[in-house]
Amino acid sequence: MIDTALTPQLTRRVDVGGKVVETDSEGYLLRLSDWSQAFAIVQAESEGLTLTDEHWQVIDFLRNYYHDHQVQAQVRVMIRHFTQQWGPERGSNHYLHDLFPRGGPQKQGNRLAGLLRTKGEH
C-alpha cells in the first residue's frame, strides 16, 4: 500500500509487507538496497500493472545489467537482448513499451527494478 501523503522532501512511503520503503514522488527508490520482489509487485500494482513472467524477465535483465555494468541499460541494448530471447516481434521496442506502458522499459522498467531515476528524467 502506498501512502499518498508527501513529506516535505517529496518522498512517499510504501508499505511492503510491513516494511516502510521510501520512494520519490514518482515511485523511484531512494535507496537501491530497499528493492525486493515484493516492492516491485506493490509499485506495479500502484501503477495499474500486473507483473507477468515477461515483466520479470525484463526486470531481472535490468537489475543484472546494472549490477554488471554499473549503468542502466539503454533501450537498444534491451531490444537486442530480447530480440535474441523472444524473437523480433516480442523483442521490439513497441512490444517492450506495451509491457511497460508508463514510460517504457527504461522508465517504468527501471522504476520497478529498483534502479534510480536516469539523468535528465523529469
Protein backbone atom coordinates (compact mmCIF):
# COMPACT_ATOMS: atom_id res chain seq x y z
CA MET A 1 0.00 0.00 0.00
CA ILE A 2 1.31 3.44 -0.87
CA ASP A 3 0.88 6.38 1.46
CA THR A 4 -0.10 9.21 -0.86
CA ALA A 5 0.79 11.91 1.66
CA LEU A 6 4.01 13.51 0.56
CA THR A 7 6.58 14.57 3.10
CA PRO A 8 8.32 17.94 2.66
CA GLN A 9 11.17 16.16 0.82
CA LEU A 10 8.69 14.89 -1.79
CA THR A 11 9.13 11.31 -0.69
CA ARG A 12 6.47 8.67 -0.47
CA ARG A 13 6.29 5.83 1.95
CA VAL A 14 5.41 2.45 0.53
CA ASP A 15 4.28 -0.35 2.83
CA VAL A 16 5.91 -3.52 1.53
CA GLY A 17 4.77 -6.37 3.72
CA GLY A 18 5.02 -4.32 6.90
CA LYS A 19 8.33 -2.65 5.95
CA VAL A 20 8.28 1.03 5.03
CA VAL A 21 10.23 1.80 1.86
CA GLU A 22 10.78 5.37 0.70
CA THR A 23 10.46 6.46 -2.93
CA ASP A 24 10.48 9.80 -4.67
CA SER A 25 7.20 11.28 -5.86
CA GLU A 26 7.21 9.09 -8.99
CA GLY A 27 7.98 5.80 -7.26
CA TYR A 28 11.74 5.53 -7.77
CA LEU A 29 13.50 4.08 -4.75
CA LEU A 30 15.61 6.48 -2.72
CA ARG A 31 17.93 3.63 -1.71
CA LEU A 32 18.77 0.80 -4.11
CA SER A 33 19.17 -1.57 -1.16
CA ASP A 34 15.44 -1.27 -0.39
CA TRP A 35 14.47 -3.19 -3.54
CA SER A 36 12.68 -6.53 -3.27
CA GLN A 37 10.34 -8.50 -5.48
CA ALA A 38 7.57 -7.53 -3.07
CA PHE A 39 8.39 -3.84 -3.68
CA ALA A 40 8.16 -4.38 -7.45
CA ILE A 41 4.76 -6.03 -7.06
CA VAL A 42 3.39 -3.26 -4.80
CA GLN A 43 4.76 -0.50 -7.04
CA ALA A 44 3.47 -2.19 -10.21
CA GLU A 45 0.01 -2.55 -8.69
CA SER A 46 0.01 1.15 -7.80
CA GLU A 47 0.73 1.84 -11.48
CA GLY A 48 -2.09 -0.43 -12.65
CA LEU A 49 0.26 -3.18 -13.85
CA THR A 50 0.16 -6.88 -13.03
CA LEU A 51 3.61 -8.39 -13.44
CA THR A 52 3.87 -11.39 -15.76
CA ASP A 53 6.80 -13.69 -16.46
CA GLU A 54 7.87 -11.37 -19.29
CA HIS A 55 7.89 -8.36 -16.94
CA TRP A 56 10.08 -10.31 -14.51
CA GLN A 57 12.46 -11.25 -17.31
CA VAL A 58 12.89 -7.57 -18.18
CA ILE A 59 13.24 -6.58 -14.51
CA ASP A 60 15.86 -9.31 -13.96
CA PHE A 61 17.72 -8.22 -17.09
CA LEU A 62 17.73 -4.58 -15.93
CA ARG A 63 18.97 -5.47 -12.46
CA ASN A 64 21.66 -7.83 -13.76
CA TYR A 65 22.82 -5.37 -16.40
CA TYR A 66 23.12 -2.62 -13.77
CA HIS A 67 24.99 -4.96 -11.43
CA ASP A 68 27.44 -5.98 -14.19
CA HIS A 69 27.98 -2.55 -15.80
CA GLN A 70 27.09 -0.01 -13.06
CA VAL A 71 24.91 1.85 -15.58
CA GLN A 72 21.35 1.34 -16.70
CA ALA A 73 20.75 -0.50 -19.95
CA GLN A 74 19.84 1.63 -22.94
CA VAL A 75 16.69 0.68 -24.82
CA ARG A 76 18.70 -0.51 -27.85
CA VAL A 77 20.60 -2.93 -25.57
CA MET A 78 17.27 -4.24 -24.25
CA ILE A 79 15.88 -4.63 -27.77
CA ARG A 80 18.96 -6.56 -28.92
CA HIS A 81 18.80 -8.85 -25.87
CA PHE A 82 15.06 -9.54 -26.00
CA THR A 83 15.02 -9.97 -29.79
CA GLN A 84 17.52 -12.78 -29.27
CA GLN A 85 15.48 -14.21 -26.36
CA TRP A 86 11.92 -13.78 -27.64
CA GLY A 87 12.24 -13.16 -31.38
CA PRO A 88 11.90 -9.95 -33.40
CA GLU A 89 8.20 -9.28 -32.76
CA ARG A 90 8.22 -9.60 -28.96
CA GLY A 91 11.74 -8.21 -28.58
CA SER A 92 10.81 -4.99 -30.35
CA ASN A 93 10.73 -1.50 -28.91
CA HIS A 94 6.97 -1.41 -29.44
CA TYR A 95 6.39 -4.65 -27.52
CA LEU A 96 8.64 -3.56 -24.63
CA HIS A 97 6.70 -0.30 -24.40
CA ASP A 98 3.44 -2.26 -24.41
CA LEU A 99 4.76 -4.27 -21.43
CA PHE A 100 5.69 -1.07 -19.58
CA PRO A 101 3.11 1.50 -20.72
CA ARG A 102 4.14 4.22 -18.25
CA GLY A 103 7.40 5.36 -19.74
CA GLY A 104 8.57 2.15 -21.36
CA PRO A 105 11.19 -0.23 -20.08
CA GLN A 106 13.74 2.50 -19.40
CA LYS A 107 11.48 4.46 -17.04
CA GLN A 108 8.81 2.12 -15.70
CA GLY A 109 11.03 -0.94 -16.05
CA ASN A 110 13.90 0.72 -14.17
CA ARG A 111 11.50 2.01 -11.52
CA LEU A 112 10.11 -1.49 -10.90
CA ALA A 113 13.62 -2.96 -10.99
CA GLY A 114 14.55 -0.64 -8.14
CA LEU A 115 17.01 1.40 -10.16
CA LEU A 116 17.40 5.12 -9.71
CA ARG A 117 15.89 7.74 -11.96
CA THR A 118 18.08 8.23 -15.02
CA LYS A 119 19.70 11.61 -15.53
CA GLY A 120 17.57 14.01 -17.48
CA GLU A 121 14.26 12.43 -16.47
CA HIS A 122 11.59 14.89 -15.44
